[in-house]
């Protein structure tokens, strides 16, 4: 089975397509880095939309999502954006955890697995 790497760099790929599935790396917000959780979440979900489209998929085919929040107290703020974006007919399995992210300006990181 072929492996397709999207946005491959020296350390990692932004996404990998293999065996009918798409695996994204954890996505963080660059344009809204340091901004609100809502703004960062919107940007990240847009990045995920773009990666899925490039891989030949869409958010309705997301199987699971893992969300990392720098502060779990911002869970409701994250959900205010997620709930507007997620495909209501096809919601994925999801885990949300509090974690120290790579830099203080990052408040959210999201990784998904989707079907092609």
N, C-alpha and C. Protein backbone atom coordinates (compact mmCIF):
# COMPACT_ATOMS: atom_id res chain seq x y z
N UNK A 1 0.83 -1.18 0.00
CA UNK A 1 0.00 0.00 0.00
C UNK A 1 0.87 1.24 0.00
N UNK A 2 0.58 2.17 -0.87
CA UNK A 2 1.39 3.40 -0.90
C UNK A 2 1.12 4.28 0.32
N UNK A 3 2.12 5.08 0.66
CA UNK A 3 2.00 6.06 1.73
C UNK A 3 2.18 7.43 1.11
N UNK A 4 1.23 8.33 1.37
CA UNK A 4 1.32 9.71 0.88
C UNK A 4 1.56 10.63 2.07
N UNK A 5 2.59 11.44 1.98
CA UNK A 5 2.91 12.40 3.04
C UNK A 5 2.59 13.81 2.55
N UNK A 6 1.84 14.53 3.35
CA UNK A 6 1.45 15.90 3.02
C UNK A 6 2.21 16.85 3.94
N UNK A 7 2.84 17.85 3.33
CA UNK A 7 3.59 18.82 4.12
C UNK A 7 4.74 18.21 4.88
N UNK A 8 5.47 17.31 4.21
CA UNK A 8 6.59 16.63 4.86
C UNK A 8 7.74 17.59 5.10
N UNK A 9 8.28 17.53 6.29
CA UNK A 9 9.45 18.33 6.65
C UNK A 9 10.53 17.41 7.20
N UNK A 10 11.56 17.99 7.73
CA UNK A 10 12.68 17.21 8.26
C UNK A 10 12.27 16.39 9.48
N UNK A 11 11.32 16.91 10.28
CA UNK A 11 10.95 16.25 11.53
C UNK A 11 9.65 15.47 11.44
N UNK A 12 8.71 15.97 10.64
CA UNK A 12 7.38 15.33 10.60
C UNK A 12 6.62 15.78 9.37
N UNK A 13 5.51 15.11 9.12
CA UNK A 13 4.57 15.49 8.06
C UNK A 13 3.34 16.10 8.71
N UNK A 14 2.69 17.01 8.01
CA UNK A 14 1.45 17.59 8.53
C UNK A 14 0.33 16.55 8.52
N UNK A 15 0.40 15.64 7.55
CA UNK A 15 -0.57 14.54 7.47
C UNK A 15 0.05 13.39 6.70
N UNK A 16 -0.44 12.18 7.01
CA UNK A 16 -0.01 10.98 6.30
C UNK A 16 -1.26 10.20 5.91
N UNK A 17 -1.30 9.78 4.64
CA UNK A 17 -2.42 8.99 4.13
C UNK A 17 -1.92 7.58 3.87
N UNK A 18 -2.62 6.60 4.47
CA UNK A 18 -2.21 5.20 4.30
C UNK A 18 -3.39 4.29 4.63
N UNK A 19 -3.59 3.28 3.82
CA UNK A 19 -4.61 2.28 4.11
C UNK A 19 -6.01 2.83 4.26
N UNK A 20 -6.35 3.84 3.49
CA UNK A 20 -7.70 4.40 3.55
C UNK A 20 -7.93 5.36 4.71
N UNK A 21 -6.86 5.74 5.41
CA UNK A 21 -6.99 6.66 6.55
C UNK A 21 -6.02 7.83 6.41
N UNK A 22 -6.40 8.93 7.01
CA UNK A 22 -5.57 10.13 7.06
C UNK A 22 -5.26 10.40 8.53
N UNK A 23 -3.99 10.57 8.82
CA UNK A 23 -3.55 10.87 10.18
C UNK A 23 -2.91 12.26 10.15
N UNK A 24 -3.45 13.20 10.91
CA UNK A 24 -2.83 14.51 10.94
C UNK A 24 -1.93 14.63 12.17
N UNK A 25 -0.89 15.41 12.01
CA UNK A 25 -0.08 15.80 13.16
C UNK A 25 -0.92 16.77 13.98
N UNK A 26 -0.52 17.00 15.20
CA UNK A 26 -1.20 18.02 15.99
C UNK A 26 -1.05 19.37 15.33
N UNK A 27 -2.17 20.02 15.09
CA UNK A 27 -2.16 21.32 14.42
C UNK A 27 -2.27 22.42 15.47
N UNK A 28 -1.45 23.47 15.30
CA UNK A 28 -1.49 24.63 16.17
C UNK A 28 -1.69 25.88 15.33
N UNK A 29 -2.13 26.93 15.97
CA UNK A 29 -2.42 28.19 15.27
C UNK A 29 -1.16 29.04 15.18
N UNK A 30 -0.81 29.45 13.98
CA UNK A 30 0.33 30.36 13.81
C UNK A 30 -0.15 31.80 13.65
N UNK A 31 -1.18 32.02 12.84
CA UNK A 31 -1.67 33.38 12.60
C UNK A 31 -2.28 34.00 13.85
N UNK A 32 -2.91 33.16 14.69
CA UNK A 32 -3.57 33.67 15.90
C UNK A 32 -2.83 33.25 17.17
N UNK A 33 -1.58 32.84 17.01
CA UNK A 33 -0.74 32.45 18.15
C UNK A 33 -0.78 33.57 19.19
N UNK A 34 -1.05 33.21 20.43
CA UNK A 34 -1.17 34.20 21.50
C UNK A 34 -2.58 34.75 21.65
N UNK A 35 -3.44 34.46 20.68
CA UNK A 35 -4.82 34.93 20.72
C UNK A 35 -5.69 34.03 21.59
N UNK A 36 -6.98 34.25 21.49
CA UNK A 36 -7.93 33.50 22.31
C UNK A 36 -8.02 32.05 21.88
N UNK A 37 -8.55 31.22 22.76
CA UNK A 37 -8.79 29.82 22.44
C UNK A 37 -9.74 29.72 21.26
N UNK A 38 -10.77 30.55 21.24
CA UNK A 38 -11.74 30.52 20.13
C UNK A 38 -11.06 30.84 18.81
N UNK A 39 -10.24 31.89 18.78
CA UNK A 39 -9.55 32.26 17.54
C UNK A 39 -8.59 31.17 17.10
N UNK A 40 -7.83 30.62 18.03
CA UNK A 40 -6.89 29.55 17.68
C UNK A 40 -7.63 28.31 17.19
N UNK A 41 -8.74 27.98 17.84
CA UNK A 41 -9.51 26.81 17.43
C UNK A 41 -10.04 26.99 16.01
N UNK A 42 -10.58 28.17 15.70
CA UNK A 42 -11.07 28.44 14.34
C UNK A 42 -9.96 28.26 13.30
N UNK A 43 -8.80 28.81 13.59
CA UNK A 43 -7.68 28.68 12.66
C UNK A 43 -7.28 27.22 12.48
N UNK A 44 -7.17 26.49 13.57
CA UNK A 44 -6.76 25.09 13.51
C UNK A 44 -7.77 24.26 12.73
N UNK A 45 -9.04 24.47 12.97
CA UNK A 45 -10.06 23.70 12.23
C UNK A 45 -10.02 24.02 10.74
N UNK A 46 -9.68 25.25 10.40
CA UNK A 46 -9.47 25.60 8.98
C UNK A 46 -8.27 24.86 8.40
N UNK A 47 -7.21 24.74 9.18
CA UNK A 47 -6.03 23.98 8.73
C UNK A 47 -6.39 22.52 8.52
N UNK A 48 -7.18 21.97 9.42
CA UNK A 48 -7.61 20.57 9.29
C UNK A 48 -8.48 20.40 8.05
N UNK A 49 -9.39 21.32 7.81
CA UNK A 49 -10.21 21.27 6.59
C UNK A 49 -9.31 21.22 5.35
N UNK A 50 -8.29 22.06 5.32
CA UNK A 50 -7.38 22.12 4.18
C UNK A 50 -6.61 20.81 4.01
N UNK A 51 -6.09 20.26 5.10
CA UNK A 51 -5.35 18.99 5.03
C UNK A 51 -6.25 17.86 4.55
N UNK A 52 -7.47 17.80 5.09
CA UNK A 52 -8.40 16.75 4.67
C UNK A 52 -8.73 16.88 3.19
N UNK A 53 -8.96 18.10 2.73
CA UNK A 53 -9.27 18.31 1.32
C UNK A 53 -8.09 17.86 0.44
N UNK A 54 -6.89 18.22 0.84
CA UNK A 54 -5.71 17.83 0.06
C UNK A 54 -5.55 16.31 0.02
N UNK A 55 -5.99 15.64 1.08
CA UNK A 55 -5.89 14.18 1.15
C UNK A 55 -7.09 13.48 0.49
N UNK A 56 -8.07 14.26 0.02
CA UNK A 56 -9.24 13.67 -0.64
C UNK A 56 -10.36 13.32 0.31
N UNK A 57 -10.46 14.04 1.42
CA UNK A 57 -11.48 13.74 2.41
C UNK A 57 -12.18 15.02 2.87
N UNK A 58 -12.93 14.91 3.95
CA UNK A 58 -13.67 16.05 4.49
C UNK A 58 -14.00 15.77 5.96
N UNK A 59 -14.46 16.81 6.66
CA UNK A 59 -14.70 16.66 8.10
C UNK A 59 -15.79 15.63 8.43
N UNK A 60 -16.70 15.36 7.53
CA UNK A 60 -17.73 14.34 7.77
C UNK A 60 -17.11 12.95 7.91
N UNK A 61 -15.87 12.79 7.45
CA UNK A 61 -15.20 11.49 7.51
C UNK A 61 -14.19 11.38 8.64
N UNK A 62 -14.18 12.37 9.54
CA UNK A 62 -13.28 12.28 10.69
C UNK A 62 -13.76 11.17 11.61
N UNK A 63 -12.84 10.27 11.95
CA UNK A 63 -13.15 9.14 12.82
C UNK A 63 -12.90 9.49 14.28
N UNK A 64 -11.79 10.18 14.54
CA UNK A 64 -11.50 10.57 15.91
C UNK A 64 -10.70 11.87 15.93
N UNK A 65 -10.82 12.57 17.03
CA UNK A 65 -10.09 13.82 17.25
C UNK A 65 -9.51 13.80 18.65
N UNK A 66 -8.28 14.26 18.76
CA UNK A 66 -7.65 14.43 20.06
C UNK A 66 -7.32 15.91 20.20
N UNK A 67 -7.83 16.51 21.26
CA UNK A 67 -7.67 17.94 21.49
C UNK A 67 -6.88 18.15 22.78
N UNK A 68 -5.86 18.98 22.67
CA UNK A 68 -5.04 19.33 23.82
C UNK A 68 -5.28 20.80 24.15
N UNK A 69 -5.65 21.08 25.38
CA UNK A 69 -5.87 22.44 25.85
C UNK A 69 -4.81 22.78 26.90
N UNK A 70 -4.22 23.95 26.78
CA UNK A 70 -3.25 24.39 27.78
C UNK A 70 -3.94 24.61 29.13
N UNK A 71 -5.22 24.97 29.09
CA UNK A 71 -6.00 25.20 30.31
C UNK A 71 -7.39 24.61 30.13
N UNK A 72 -7.71 23.57 30.86
CA UNK A 72 -9.01 22.90 30.71
C UNK A 72 -10.17 23.83 31.05
N UNK A 73 -9.91 24.92 31.75
CA UNK A 73 -10.96 25.90 32.05
C UNK A 73 -11.49 26.56 30.77
N UNK A 74 -10.77 26.41 29.65
CA UNK A 74 -11.21 26.99 28.38
C UNK A 74 -12.01 25.99 27.53
N UNK A 75 -12.41 24.88 28.14
CA UNK A 75 -13.15 23.82 27.45
C UNK A 75 -14.42 24.35 26.77
N UNK A 76 -15.19 25.17 27.46
CA UNK A 76 -16.43 25.72 26.90
C UNK A 76 -16.14 26.64 25.72
N UNK A 77 -15.06 27.42 25.81
CA UNK A 77 -14.68 28.32 24.71
C UNK A 77 -14.31 27.51 23.47
N UNK A 78 -13.54 26.44 23.66
CA UNK A 78 -13.20 25.54 22.56
C UNK A 78 -14.47 24.98 21.94
N UNK A 79 -15.36 24.46 22.77
CA UNK A 79 -16.59 23.85 22.27
C UNK A 79 -17.50 24.83 21.55
N UNK A 80 -17.45 26.11 21.90
CA UNK A 80 -18.28 27.10 21.21
C UNK A 80 -17.92 27.19 19.73
N UNK A 81 -16.67 26.94 19.41
CA UNK A 81 -16.21 26.95 18.01
C UNK A 81 -16.38 25.55 17.40
N UNK A 82 -15.97 24.52 18.12
CA UNK A 82 -16.08 23.15 17.64
C UNK A 82 -17.52 22.82 17.24
N UNK A 83 -18.47 23.17 18.09
CA UNK A 83 -19.88 22.81 17.87
C UNK A 83 -20.45 23.43 16.59
N UNK A 84 -19.94 24.58 16.19
CA UNK A 84 -20.37 25.22 14.94
C UNK A 84 -19.74 24.51 13.75
N UNK A 85 -18.50 24.06 13.92
CA UNK A 85 -17.73 23.46 12.82
C UNK A 85 -18.04 22.00 12.56
N UNK A 86 -18.19 21.20 13.60
CA UNK A 86 -18.29 19.75 13.44
C UNK A 86 -19.52 19.36 12.62
N UNK A 87 -19.38 18.29 11.83
CA UNK A 87 -20.51 17.77 11.05
C UNK A 87 -21.48 17.10 12.03
N UNK A 88 -22.63 17.70 12.22
CA UNK A 88 -23.59 17.23 13.23
C UNK A 88 -24.12 15.82 12.94
N UNK A 89 -24.14 15.43 11.67
CA UNK A 89 -24.61 14.10 11.30
C UNK A 89 -23.54 13.03 11.46
N UNK A 90 -22.28 13.47 11.56
CA UNK A 90 -21.16 12.53 11.62
C UNK A 90 -20.11 12.97 12.64
N UNK A 91 -20.50 13.13 13.90
CA UNK A 91 -19.50 13.57 14.88
C UNK A 91 -18.48 12.46 15.16
N UNK A 92 -17.21 12.83 15.27
CA UNK A 92 -16.18 11.82 15.53
C UNK A 92 -16.13 11.45 17.00
N UNK A 93 -15.44 10.37 17.29
CA UNK A 93 -15.04 10.09 18.67
C UNK A 93 -14.05 11.19 19.03
N UNK A 94 -14.02 11.59 20.30
CA UNK A 94 -13.17 12.72 20.65
C UNK A 94 -12.65 12.59 22.08
N UNK A 95 -11.42 13.00 22.26
CA UNK A 95 -10.83 13.10 23.59
C UNK A 95 -10.26 14.51 23.73
N UNK A 96 -10.48 15.10 24.89
CA UNK A 96 -9.92 16.43 25.18
C UNK A 96 -9.17 16.33 26.50
N UNK A 97 -7.93 16.77 26.48
CA UNK A 97 -7.11 16.71 27.69
C UNK A 97 -6.38 18.03 27.91
N UNK A 98 -6.06 18.29 29.17
CA UNK A 98 -5.23 19.44 29.48
C UNK A 98 -3.78 19.00 29.39
N UNK A 99 -2.97 19.81 28.71
CA UNK A 99 -1.56 19.47 28.54
C UNK A 99 -0.73 20.74 28.39
N UNK A 100 0.48 20.69 28.86
CA UNK A 100 1.40 21.79 28.64
C UNK A 100 1.84 21.71 27.18
N UNK A 101 1.55 22.74 26.40
CA UNK A 101 1.90 22.74 24.98
C UNK A 101 3.32 23.27 24.78
N UNK A 102 3.81 23.18 23.57
CA UNK A 102 5.22 23.45 23.27
C UNK A 102 5.64 24.89 23.59
N UNK A 103 4.72 25.85 23.53
CA UNK A 103 5.03 27.25 23.84
C UNK A 103 3.79 27.88 24.50
N UNK A 104 3.99 28.83 25.39
CA UNK A 104 2.86 29.43 26.11
C UNK A 104 1.84 30.13 25.20
N UNK A 105 2.25 30.60 24.03
CA UNK A 105 1.32 31.26 23.12
C UNK A 105 0.34 30.30 22.46
N UNK A 106 0.64 29.00 22.48
CA UNK A 106 -0.27 28.00 21.95
C UNK A 106 -1.22 27.57 23.06
N UNK A 107 -2.51 27.69 22.80
CA UNK A 107 -3.51 27.34 23.80
C UNK A 107 -4.29 26.08 23.42
N UNK A 108 -4.21 25.70 22.13
CA UNK A 108 -4.95 24.56 21.61
C UNK A 108 -4.09 23.82 20.60
N UNK A 109 -4.19 22.50 20.60
CA UNK A 109 -3.59 21.67 19.56
C UNK A 109 -4.57 20.57 19.26
N UNK A 110 -4.81 20.30 17.97
CA UNK A 110 -5.79 19.30 17.57
C UNK A 110 -5.19 18.37 16.51
N UNK A 111 -5.38 17.07 16.71
CA UNK A 111 -4.99 16.05 15.73
C UNK A 111 -6.21 15.19 15.43
N UNK A 112 -6.36 14.80 14.16
CA UNK A 112 -7.50 13.96 13.78
C UNK A 112 -7.04 12.76 12.96
N UNK A 113 -7.89 11.76 12.96
CA UNK A 113 -7.77 10.61 12.05
C UNK A 113 -9.06 10.58 11.27
N UNK A 114 -8.96 10.47 9.95
CA UNK A 114 -10.15 10.47 9.11
C UNK A 114 -10.05 9.39 8.04
N UNK A 115 -11.18 8.99 7.53
CA UNK A 115 -11.24 8.07 6.39
C UNK A 115 -11.07 8.88 5.11
N UNK A 116 -10.50 8.24 4.10
CA UNK A 116 -10.34 8.90 2.80
C UNK A 116 -11.68 8.92 2.11
